[in-house]
């Protein structure tokens, strides 16, 4: 199909970028007042539907979340669950940080 009609996930350069080709890293960050946030990085925001992934992660972790600067942020420490959900969608996901 012509590029403008194709529904394949593509990166900025126009090449096909499948979930199996994007390494997702799930880490945690401390925020003000000691709050912990799970952060998922490494996903291409153009080739991945970050909004749909955020919805699945929020539902699976039973927590709130947002997309900030191309990163998915989930309230609380849900790294293991986030990795499991991402792997179910075909992303090679790993834990990051300590």
PDB file of N, CA and C in Angstrom:
ATOM      1  N   UNK A   1       0.841  -1.191   0.000  1.00  0.00           N
ATOM      2  CA  UNK A   1       0.000   0.000   0.000  1.00  0.00           C
ATOM      3  C   UNK A   1       0.881   1.248   0.000  1.00  0.00           C
ATOM      4  N   UNK A   2       0.358   2.334  -0.501  1.00  0.00           N
ATOM      5  CA  UNK A   2       1.101   3.586  -0.412  1.00  0.00           C
ATOM      6  C   UNK A   2       1.331   3.955   1.056  1.00  0.00           C
ATOM      7  N   UNK A   3       2.410   4.644   1.315  1.00  0.00           N
ATOM      8  CA  UNK A   3       2.821   4.971   2.678  1.00  0.00           C
ATOM      9  C   UNK A   3       1.752   5.737   3.439  1.00  0.00           C
ATOM     10  N   UNK A   4       1.038   6.655   2.781  1.00  0.00           N
ATOM     11  CA  UNK A   4       0.022   7.449   3.480  1.00  0.00           C
ATOM     12  C   UNK A   4      -1.236   6.641   3.809  1.00  0.00           C
ATOM     13  N   UNK A   5      -1.425   5.471   3.202  1.00  0.00           N
ATOM     14  CA  UNK A   5      -2.591   4.629   3.478  1.00  0.00           C
ATOM     15  C   UNK A   5      -2.262   3.415   4.347  1.00  0.00           C
ATOM     16  N   UNK A   6      -0.979   3.177   4.572  1.00  0.00           N
ATOM     17  CA  UNK A   6      -0.550   2.003   5.331  1.00  0.00           C
ATOM     18  C   UNK A   6      -0.789   2.226   6.822  1.00  0.00           C
ATOM     19  N   UNK A   7      -1.257   1.195   7.518  1.00  0.00           N
ATOM     20  CA  UNK A   7      -1.528   1.286   8.945  1.00  0.00           C
ATOM     21  C   UNK A   7      -0.425   0.703   9.805  1.00  0.00           C
ATOM     22  N   UNK A   8       0.705   0.341   9.204  1.00  0.00           N
ATOM     23  CA  UNK A   8       1.814  -0.238   9.968  1.00  0.00           C
ATOM     24  C   UNK A   8       2.427   0.812  10.889  1.00  0.00           C
ATOM     25  N   UNK A   9       2.877   0.396  12.089  1.00  0.00           N
ATOM     26  CA  UNK A   9       3.530   1.357  12.986  1.00  0.00           C
ATOM     27  C   UNK A   9       4.877   1.772  12.413  1.00  0.00           C
ATOM     28  N   UNK A  10       5.076   3.061  12.258  1.00  0.00           N
ATOM     29  CA  UNK A  10       6.303   3.572  11.646  1.00  0.00           C
ATOM     30  C   UNK A  10       6.948   4.614  12.556  1.00  0.00           C
ATOM     31  N   UNK A  11       8.264   4.671  12.492  1.00  0.00           N
ATOM     32  CA  UNK A  11       9.018   5.659  13.240  1.00  0.00           C
ATOM     33  C   UNK A  11       9.051   6.982  12.497  1.00  0.00           C
ATOM     34  N   UNK A  12       9.854   7.898  12.998  1.00  0.00           N
ATOM     35  CA  UNK A  12       9.958   9.227  12.405  1.00  0.00           C
ATOM     36  C   UNK A  12      10.488   9.153  10.979  1.00  0.00           C
ATOM     37  N   UNK A  13      11.408   8.221  10.717  1.00  0.00           N
ATOM     38  CA  UNK A  13      12.010   8.111   9.387  1.00  0.00           C
ATOM     39  C   UNK A  13      11.112   7.429   8.376  1.00  0.00           C
ATOM     40  N   UNK A  14       9.990   6.857   8.808  1.00  0.00           N
ATOM     41  CA  UNK A  14       9.071   6.194   7.905  1.00  0.00           C
ATOM     42  C   UNK A  14       9.261   4.698   7.825  1.00  0.00           C
ATOM     43  N   UNK A  15      10.282   4.167   8.497  1.00  0.00           N
ATOM     44  CA  UNK A  15      10.500   2.725   8.475  1.00  0.00           C
ATOM     45  C   UNK A  15       9.556   2.032   9.458  1.00  0.00           C
ATOM     46  N   UNK A  16       9.204   0.809   9.159  1.00  0.00           N
ATOM     47  CA  UNK A  16       8.308   0.042  10.018  1.00  0.00           C
ATOM     48  C   UNK A  16       9.027  -0.254  11.334  1.00  0.00           C
ATOM     49  N   UNK A  17       8.358   0.038  12.440  1.00  0.00           N
ATOM     50  CA  UNK A  17       8.928  -0.154  13.768  1.00  0.00           C
ATOM     51  C   UNK A  17       7.921  -0.934  14.605  1.00  0.00           C
ATOM     52  N   UNK A  18       8.097  -2.241  14.660  1.00  0.00           N
ATOM     53  CA  UNK A  18       7.185  -3.130  15.372  1.00  0.00           C
ATOM     54  C   UNK A  18       7.495  -3.133  16.863  1.00  0.00           C
ATOM     55  N   UNK A  19       6.533  -3.561  17.695  1.00  0.00           N
ATOM     56  CA  UNK A  19       6.783  -3.622  19.135  1.00  0.00           C
ATOM     57  C   UNK A  19       7.999  -4.464  19.503  1.00  0.00           C
ATOM     58  N   UNK A  20       8.254  -5.556  18.784  1.00  0.00           N
ATOM     59  CA  UNK A  20       9.383  -6.421  19.120  1.00  0.00           C
ATOM     60  C   UNK A  20      10.729  -5.734  18.890  1.00  0.00           C
ATOM     61  N   UNK A  21      10.727  -4.622  18.163  1.00  0.00           N
ATOM     62  CA  UNK A  21      11.956  -3.887  17.875  1.00  0.00           C
ATOM     63  C   UNK A  21      12.183  -2.709  18.823  1.00  0.00           C
ATOM     64  N   UNK A  22      11.307  -2.526  19.812  1.00  0.00           N
ATOM     65  CA  UNK A  22      11.415  -1.405  20.740  1.00  0.00           C
ATOM     66  C   UNK A  22      11.627  -1.946  22.157  1.00  0.00           C
ATOM     67  N   UNK A  23      12.786  -1.697  22.738  1.00  0.00           N
ATOM     68  CA  UNK A  23      13.073  -2.150  24.090  1.00  0.00           C
ATOM     69  C   UNK A  23      12.465  -1.166  25.083  1.00  0.00           C
ATOM     70  N   UNK A  24      11.526  -1.644  25.879  1.00  0.00           N
ATOM     71  CA  UNK A  24      10.879  -0.816  26.900  1.00  0.00           C
ATOM     72  C   UNK A  24      11.558  -1.070  28.242  1.00  0.00           C
ATOM     73  N   UNK A  25      11.901  -0.009  28.941  1.00  0.00           N
ATOM     74  CA  UNK A  25      12.522  -0.096  30.256  1.00  0.00           C
ATOM     75  C   UNK A  25      11.568   0.490  31.285  1.00  0.00           C
ATOM     76  N   UNK A  26      11.288  -0.287  32.325  1.00  0.00           N
ATOM     77  CA  UNK A  26      10.400   0.171  33.397  1.00  0.00           C
ATOM     78  C   UNK A  26      11.241   0.433  34.640  1.00  0.00           C
ATOM     79  N   UNK A  27      11.276   1.677  35.052  1.00  0.00           N
ATOM     80  CA  UNK A  27      12.034   2.065  36.236  1.00  0.00           C
ATOM     81  C   UNK A  27      11.155   2.829  37.203  1.00  0.00           C
ATOM     82  N   UNK A  28      11.743   3.270  38.296  1.00  0.00           N
ATOM     83  CA  UNK A  28      10.972   4.047  39.259  1.00  0.00           C
ATOM     84  C   UNK A  28      11.726   5.311  39.602  1.00  0.00           C
ATOM     85  N   UNK A  29      10.983   6.332  39.927  1.00  0.00           N
ATOM     86  CA  UNK A  29      11.536   7.620  40.331  1.00  0.00           C
ATOM     87  C   UNK A  29      10.836   8.076  41.592  1.00  0.00           C
ATOM     88  N   UNK A  30      11.573   8.770  42.426  1.00  0.00           N
ATOM     89  CA  UNK A  30      10.983   9.377  43.618  1.00  0.00           C
ATOM     90  C   UNK A  30      10.596  10.806  43.269  1.00  0.00           C
ATOM     91  N   UNK A  31       9.424  11.187  43.687  1.00  0.00           N
ATOM     92  CA  UNK A  31       8.937  12.543  43.462  1.00  0.00           C
ATOM     93  C   UNK A  31       8.874  13.280  44.790  1.00  0.00           C
ATOM     94  N   UNK A  32       8.360  14.467  44.758  1.00  0.00           N
ATOM     95  CA  UNK A  32       8.287  15.244  45.991  1.00  0.00           C
ATOM     96  C   UNK A  32       7.395  14.544  47.018  1.00  0.00           C
ATOM     97  N   UNK A  33       7.674  14.805  48.234  1.00  0.00           N
ATOM     98  CA  UNK A  33       6.968  14.220  49.375  1.00  0.00           C
ATOM     99  C   UNK A  33       7.088  12.703  49.409  1.00  0.00           C
ATOM    100  N   UNK A  34       8.149  12.148  48.783  1.00  0.00           N
ATOM    101  CA  UNK A  34       8.415  10.722  48.848  1.00  0.00           C
ATOM    102  C   UNK A  34       7.549   9.842  47.976  1.00  0.00           C
ATOM    103  N   UNK A  35       6.792  10.419  47.067  1.00  0.00           N
ATOM    104  CA  UNK A  35       5.927   9.629  46.181  1.00  0.00           C
ATOM    105  C   UNK A  35       6.773   8.882  45.150  1.00  0.00           C
ATOM    106  N   UNK A  36       6.390   7.649  44.853  1.00  0.00           N
ATOM    107  CA  UNK A  36       7.087   6.827  43.869  1.00  0.00           C
ATOM    108  C   UNK A  36       6.267   6.767  42.590  1.00  0.00           C
ATOM    109  N   UNK A  37       6.968   6.849  41.453  1.00  0.00           N
ATOM    110  CA  UNK A  37       6.328   6.809  40.145  1.00  0.00           C
ATOM    111  C   UNK A  37       7.047   5.772  39.295  1.00  0.00           C
ATOM    112  N   UNK A  38       6.300   4.900  38.630  1.00  0.00           N
ATOM    113  CA  UNK A  38       6.864   3.955  37.670  1.00  0.00           C
ATOM    114  C   UNK A  38       6.943   4.654  36.321  1.00  0.00           C
ATOM    115  N   UNK A  39       8.123   4.614  35.709  1.00  0.00           N
ATOM    116  CA  UNK A  39       8.349   5.300  34.440  1.00  0.00           C
ATOM    117  C   UNK A  39       8.729   4.275  33.377  1.00  0.00           C
ATOM    118  N   UNK A  40       8.033   4.298  32.241  1.00  0.00           N
ATOM    119  CA  UNK A  40       8.334   3.411  31.111  1.00  0.00           C
ATOM    120  C   UNK A  40       8.946   4.263  30.009  1.00  0.00           C
ATOM    121  N   UNK A  41      10.197   3.933  29.639  1.00  0.00           N
ATOM    122  CA  UNK A  41      10.903   4.676  28.594  1.00  0.00           C
ATOM    123  C   UNK A  41      11.335   3.711  27.504  1.00  0.00           C
ATOM    124  N   UNK A  42      11.794   4.271  26.397  1.00  0.00           N
ATOM    125  CA  UNK A  42      12.323   3.464  25.301  1.00  0.00           C
ATOM    126  C   UNK A  42      11.333   3.191  24.181  1.00  0.00           C
ATOM    127  N   UNK A  43      10.096   3.626  24.332  1.00  0.00           N
ATOM    128  CA  UNK A  43       9.100   3.404  23.286  1.00  0.00           C
ATOM    129  C   UNK A  43       9.075   4.590  22.336  1.00  0.00           C
ATOM    130  N   UNK A  44       8.947   4.307  21.062  1.00  0.00           N
ATOM    131  CA  UNK A  44       8.854   5.361  20.066  1.00  0.00           C
ATOM    132  C   UNK A  44       7.450   5.954  20.120  1.00  0.00           C
ATOM    133  N   UNK A  45       7.313   7.247  20.462  1.00  0.00           N
ATOM    134  CA  UNK A  45       5.972   7.819  20.606  1.00  0.00           C
ATOM    135  C   UNK A  45       5.186   7.902  19.304  1.00  0.00           C
ATOM    136  N   UNK A  46       5.858   7.834  18.169  1.00  0.00           N
ATOM    137  CA  UNK A  46       5.155   7.909  16.894  1.00  0.00           C
ATOM    138  C   UNK A  46       4.698   6.520  16.456  1.00  0.00           C
ATOM    139  N   UNK A  47       5.552   5.516  16.618  1.00  0.00           N
ATOM    140  CA  UNK A  47       5.216   4.160  16.176  1.00  0.00           C
ATOM    141  C   UNK A  47       4.345   3.419  17.184  1.00  0.00           C
ATOM    142  N   UNK A  48       4.393   3.824  18.450  1.00  0.00           N
ATOM    143  CA  UNK A  48       3.592   3.163  19.487  1.00  0.00           C
ATOM    144  C   UNK A  48       2.399   4.044  19.829  1.00  0.00           C
ATOM    145  N   UNK A  49       1.294   3.425  20.123  1.00  0.00           N
ATOM    146  CA  UNK A  49       0.115   4.164  20.574  1.00  0.00           C
ATOM    147  C   UNK A  49       0.233   4.305  22.093  1.00  0.00           C
ATOM    148  N   UNK A  50       0.949   5.350  22.521  1.00  0.00           N
ATOM    149  CA  UNK A  50       1.207   5.527  23.947  1.00  0.00           C
ATOM    150  C   UNK A  50      -0.079   5.720  24.743  1.00  0.00           C
ATOM    151  N   UNK A  51      -1.063   6.343  24.158  1.00  0.00           N
ATOM    152  CA  UNK A  51      -2.334   6.538  24.855  1.00  0.00           C
ATOM    153  C   UNK A  51      -3.020   5.226  25.179  1.00  0.00           C
ATOM    154  N   UNK A  52      -3.032   4.303  24.223  1.00  0.00           N
ATOM    155  CA  UNK A  52      -3.651   2.991  24.451  1.00  0.00           C
ATOM    156  C   UNK A  52      -2.841   2.181  25.455  1.00  0.00           C
ATOM    157  N   UNK A  53      -1.511   2.248  25.349  1.00  0.00           N
ATOM    158  CA  UNK A  53      -0.666   1.550  26.318  1.00  0.00           C
ATOM    159  C   UNK A  53      -0.861   2.112  27.716  1.00  0.00           C
ATOM    160  N   UNK A  54      -0.968   3.422  27.816  1.00  0.00           N
ATOM    161  CA  UNK A  54      -1.208   4.047  29.118  1.00  0.00           C
ATOM    162  C   UNK A  54      -2.506   3.540  29.712  1.00  0.00           C
ATOM    163  N   UNK A  55      -3.544   3.460  28.915  1.00  0.00           N
ATOM    164  CA  UNK A  55      -4.829   2.963  29.403  1.00  0.00           C
ATOM    165  C   UNK A  55      -4.735   1.533  29.914  1.00  0.00           C
ATOM    166  N   UNK A  56      -4.016   0.680  29.194  1.00  0.00           N
ATOM    167  CA  UNK A  56      -3.850  -0.705  29.627  1.00  0.00           C
ATOM    168  C   UNK A  56      -3.021  -0.791  30.904  1.00  0.00           C
ATOM    169  N   UNK A  57      -1.980   0.017  31.004  1.00  0.00           N
ATOM    170  CA  UNK A  57      -1.145   0.008  32.204  1.00  0.00           C
ATOM    171  C   UNK A  57      -1.906   0.545  33.411  1.00  0.00           C
ATOM    172  N   UNK A  58      -2.661   1.600  33.219  1.00  0.00           N
ATOM    173  CA  UNK A  58      -3.448   2.149  34.323  1.00  0.00           C
ATOM    174  C   UNK A  58      -4.479   1.143  34.809  1.00  0.00           C
ATOM    175  N   UNK A  59      -5.111   0.461  33.876  1.00  0.00           N
ATOM    176  CA  UNK A  59      -6.114  -0.545  34.234  1.00  0.00           C
ATOM    177  C   UNK A  59      -5.467  -1.744  34.926  1.00  0.00           C
ATOM    178  N   UNK A  60      -4.361  -2.221  34.371  1.00  0.00           N
ATOM    179  CA  UNK A  60      -3.692  -3.391  34.921  1.00  0.00           C
ATOM    180  C   UNK A  60      -3.046  -3.151  36.271  1.00  0.00           C
ATOM    181  N   UNK A  61      -2.601  -1.914  36.512  1.00  0.00           N
ATOM    182  CA  UNK A  61      -1.948  -1.585  37.780  1.00  0.00           C
ATOM    183  C   UNK A  61      -2.920  -0.959  38.776  1.00  0.00           C
ATOM    184  N   UNK A  62      -4.118  -0.671  38.352  1.00  0.00           N
ATOM    185  CA  UNK A  62      -5.131  -0.017  39.198  1.00  0.00           C
ATOM    186  C   UNK A  62      -4.574   1.266  39.801  1.00  0.00           C
ATOM    187  N   UNK A  63      -4.005   2.094  38.929  1.00  0.00           N
ATOM    188  CA  UNK A  63      -3.389   3.345  39.376  1.00  0.00           C
ATOM    189  C   UNK A  63      -3.568   4.406  38.294  1.00  0.00           C
ATOM    190  N   UNK A  64      -3.341   5.638  38.671  1.00  0.00           N
ATOM    191  CA  UNK A  64      -3.403   6.734  37.722  1.00  0.00           C
ATOM    192  C   UNK A  64      -2.103   6.845  36.955  1.00  0.00           C
ATOM    193  N   UNK A  65      -2.111   7.633  35.912  1.00  0.00           N
ATOM    194  CA  UNK A  65      -0.895   7.803  35.132  1.00  0.00           C
ATOM    195  C   UNK A  65      -1.050   8.861  34.070  1.00  0.00           C
ATOM    196  N   UNK A  66       0.055   9.152  33.394  1.00  0.00           N
ATOM    197  CA  UNK A  66       0.066  10.173  32.356  1.00  0.00           C
ATOM    198  C   UNK A  66       1.197   9.892  31.376  1.00  0.00           C
ATOM    199  N   UNK A  67       1.198  10.639  30.281  1.00  0.00           N
ATOM    200  CA  UNK A  67       2.304  10.625  29.325  1.00  0.00           C
ATOM    201  C   UNK A  67       2.992  11.971  29.453  1.00  0.00           C
ATOM    202  N   UNK A  68       4.298  11.947  29.721  1.00  0.00           N
ATOM    203  CA  UNK A  68       5.046  13.174  29.938  1.00  0.00           C
ATOM    204  C   UNK A  68       6.360  13.078  29.174  1.00  0.00           C
ATOM    205  N   UNK A  69       6.560  13.949  28.188  1.00  0.00           N
ATOM    206  CA  UNK A  69       7.784  13.981  27.378  1.00  0.00           C
ATOM    207  C   UNK A  69       8.076  12.637  26.708  1.00  0.00           C
ATOM    208  N   UNK A  70       7.060  11.960  26.199  1.00  0.00           N
ATOM    209  CA  UNK A  70       7.241  10.690  25.521  1.00  0.00           C
ATOM    210  C   UNK A  70       7.468   9.515  26.450  1.00  0.00           C
ATOM    211  N   UNK A  71       7.284   9.725  27.749  1.00  0.00           N
ATOM    212  CA  UNK A  71       7.436   8.662  28.738  1.00  0.00           C
ATOM    213  C   UNK A  71       6.088   8.385  29.372  1.00  0.00           C
ATOM    214  N   UNK A  72       5.834   7.126  29.697  1.00  0.00           N
ATOM    215  CA  UNK A  72       4.616   6.767  30.403  1.00  0.00           C
ATOM    216  C   UNK A  72       4.929   6.762  31.893  1.00  0.00           C
ATOM    217  N   UNK A  73       4.111   7.453  32.677  1.00  0.00           N
ATOM    218  CA  UNK A  73       4.303   7.523  34.117  1.00  0.00           C
ATOM    219  C   UNK A  73       3.062   6.974  34.814  1.00  0.00           C
ATOM    220  N   UNK A  74       3.276   6.012  35.716  1.00  0.00           N
ATOM    221  CA  UNK A  74       2.198   5.389  36.490  1.00  0.00           C
ATOM    222  C   UNK A  74       2.457   5.661  37.960  1.00  0.00           C
ATOM    223  N   UNK A  75       1.431   6.061  38.689  1.00  0.00           N
ATOM    224  CA  UNK A  75       1.576   6.364  40.109  1.00  0.00           C
ATOM    225  C   UNK A  75       1.845   5.097  40.900  1.00  0.00           C
ATOM    226  N   UNK A  76       2.884   5.118  41.731  1.00  0.00           N
ATOM    227  CA  UNK A  76       3.229   3.978  42.566  1.00  0.00           C
ATOM    228  C   UNK A  76       4.327   3.126  41.933  1.00  0.00           C
ATOM    229  N   UNK A  77       4.798   2.130  42.681  1.00  0.00           N
ATOM    230  CA  UNK A  77       5.843   1.233  42.197  1.00  0.00           C
ATOM    231  C   UNK A  77       5.193  -0.018  41.607  1.00  0.00           C
ATOM    232  N   UNK A  78       5.019  -0.017  40.293  1.00  0.00           N
ATOM    233  CA  UNK A  78       4.364  -1.123  39.586  1.00  0.00           C
ATOM    234  C   UNK A  78       5.269  -1.650  38.479  1.00  0.00           C
ATOM    235  N   UNK A  79       6.571  -1.663  38.703  1.00  0.00           N
ATOM    236  CA  UNK A  79       7.509  -2.035  37.644  1.00  0.00           C
ATOM    237  C   UNK A  79       7.281  -3.452  37.132  1.00  0.00           C
ATOM    238  N   UNK A  80       7.143  -4.420  38.042  1.00  0.00           N
ATOM    239  CA  UNK A  80       6.987  -5.814  37.610  1.00  0.00           C
ATOM    240  C   UNK A  80       5.707  -6.007  36.804  1.00  0.00           C
ATOM    241  N   UNK A  81       4.633  -5.409  37.260  1.00  0.00           N
ATOM    242  CA  UNK A  81       3.352  -5.526  36.557  1.00  0.00           C
ATOM    243  C   UNK A  81       3.414  -4.821  35.195  1.00  0.00           C
ATOM    244  N   UNK A  82       4.084  -3.668  35.141  1.00  0.00           N
ATOM    245  CA  UNK A  82       4.221  -2.943  33.873  1.00  0.00           C
ATOM    246  C   UNK A  82       5.016  -3.768  32.861  1.00  0.00           C
ATOM    247  N   UNK A  83       6.091  -4.408  33.314  1.00  0.00           N
ATOM    248  CA  UNK A  83       6.893  -5.250  32.416  1.00  0.00           C
ATOM    249  C   UNK A  83       6.046  -6.401  31.894  1.00  0.00           C
ATOM    250  N   UNK A  84       5.267  -7.016  32.754  1.00  0.00           N
ATOM    251  CA  UNK A  84       4.406  -8.130  32.352  1.00  0.00           C
ATOM    252  C   UNK A  84       3.386  -7.693  31.301  1.00  0.00           C
ATOM    253  N   UNK A  85       2.759  -6.561  31.512  1.00  0.00           N
ATOM    254  CA  UNK A  85       1.755  -6.048  30.566  1.00  0.00           C
ATOM    255  C   UNK A  85       2.403  -5.719  29.226  1.00  0.00           C
ATOM    256  N   UNK A  86       3.560  -5.063  29.250  1.00  0.00           N
ATOM    257  CA  UNK A  86       4.255  -4.708  28.015  1.00  0.00           C
ATOM    258  C   UNK A  86       4.688  -5.960  27.252  1.00  0.00           C
ATOM    259  N   UNK A  87       5.137  -6.984  27.969  1.00  0.00           N
ATOM    260  CA  UNK A  87       5.530  -8.227  27.307  1.00  0.00           C
ATOM    261  C   UNK A  87       4.323  -8.916  26.677  1.00  0.00           C
ATOM    262  N   UNK A  88       3.153  -8.792  27.303  1.00  0.00           N
ATOM    263  CA  UNK A  88       1.939  -9.349  26.710  1.00  0.00           C
ATOM    264  C   UNK A  88       1.604  -8.693  25.371  1.00  0.00           C
ATOM    265  N   UNK A  89       2.000  -7.415  25.206  1.00  0.00           N
ATOM    266  CA  UNK A  89       1.756  -6.695  23.955  1.00  0.00           C
ATOM    267  C   UNK A  89       2.881  -6.886  22.942  1.00  0.00           C
ATOM    268  N   UNK A  90       3.901  -7.685  23.291  1.00  0.00           N
ATOM    269  CA  UNK A  90       4.963  -7.983  22.348  1.00  0.00           C
ATOM    270  C   UNK A  90       6.200  -7.122  22.479  1.00  0.00           C
ATOM    271  N   UNK A  91       6.281  -6.268  23.468  1.00  0.00           N
ATOM    272  CA  UNK A  91       7.453  -5.437  23.679  1.00  0.00           C
ATOM    273  C   UNK A  91       8.477  -6.208  24.509  1.00  0.00           C
ATOM    274  N   UNK A  92       9.756  -6.197  24.125  1.00  0.00           N
ATOM    275  CA  UNK A  92      10.773  -6.802  24.982  1.00  0.00           C
ATOM    276  C   UNK A  92      11.065  -5.837  26.135  1.00  0.00           C
ATOM    277  N   UNK A  93      10.410  -6.041  27.246  1.00  0.00           N
ATOM    278  CA  UNK A  93      10.491  -5.101  28.378  1.00  0.00           C
ATOM    279  C   UNK A  93      11.403  -5.660  29.458  1.00  0.00           C
ATOM    280  N   UNK A  94      12.107  -4.745  30.148  1.00  0.00           N
ATOM    281  CA  UNK A  94      13.006  -5.104  31.225  1.00  0.00           C
ATOM    282  C   UNK A  94      12.841  -4.104  32.370  1.00  0.00           C
ATOM    283  N   UNK A  95      13.252  -4.546  33.554  1.00  0.00           N
ATOM    284  CA  UNK A  95      13.306  -3.644  34.706  1.00  0.00           C
ATOM    285  C   UNK A  95      14.542  -2.766  34.565  1.00  0.00           C
ATOM    286  N   UNK A  96      14.431  -1.545  35.048  1.00  0.00           N
ATOM    287  CA  UNK A  96      15.533  -0.606  34.989  1.00  0.00           C
ATOM    288  C   UNK A  96      15.740   0.008  36.358  1.00  0.00           C
ATOM    289  N   UNK A  97      16.965   0.264  36.706  1.00  0.00           N
ATOM    290  CA  UNK A  97      17.252   0.907  37.990  1.00  0.00           C
ATOM    291  C   UNK A  97      17.152  -0.042  39.159  1.00  0.00           C
ATOM    292  N   UNK A  98      17.210   0.539  40.374  1.00  0.00           N
ATOM    293  CA  UNK A  98      17.234  -0.295  41.570  1.00  0.00           C
ATOM    294  C   UNK A  98      15.986  -0.330  42.353  1.00  0.00           C
TER     295      UNK A  98
END
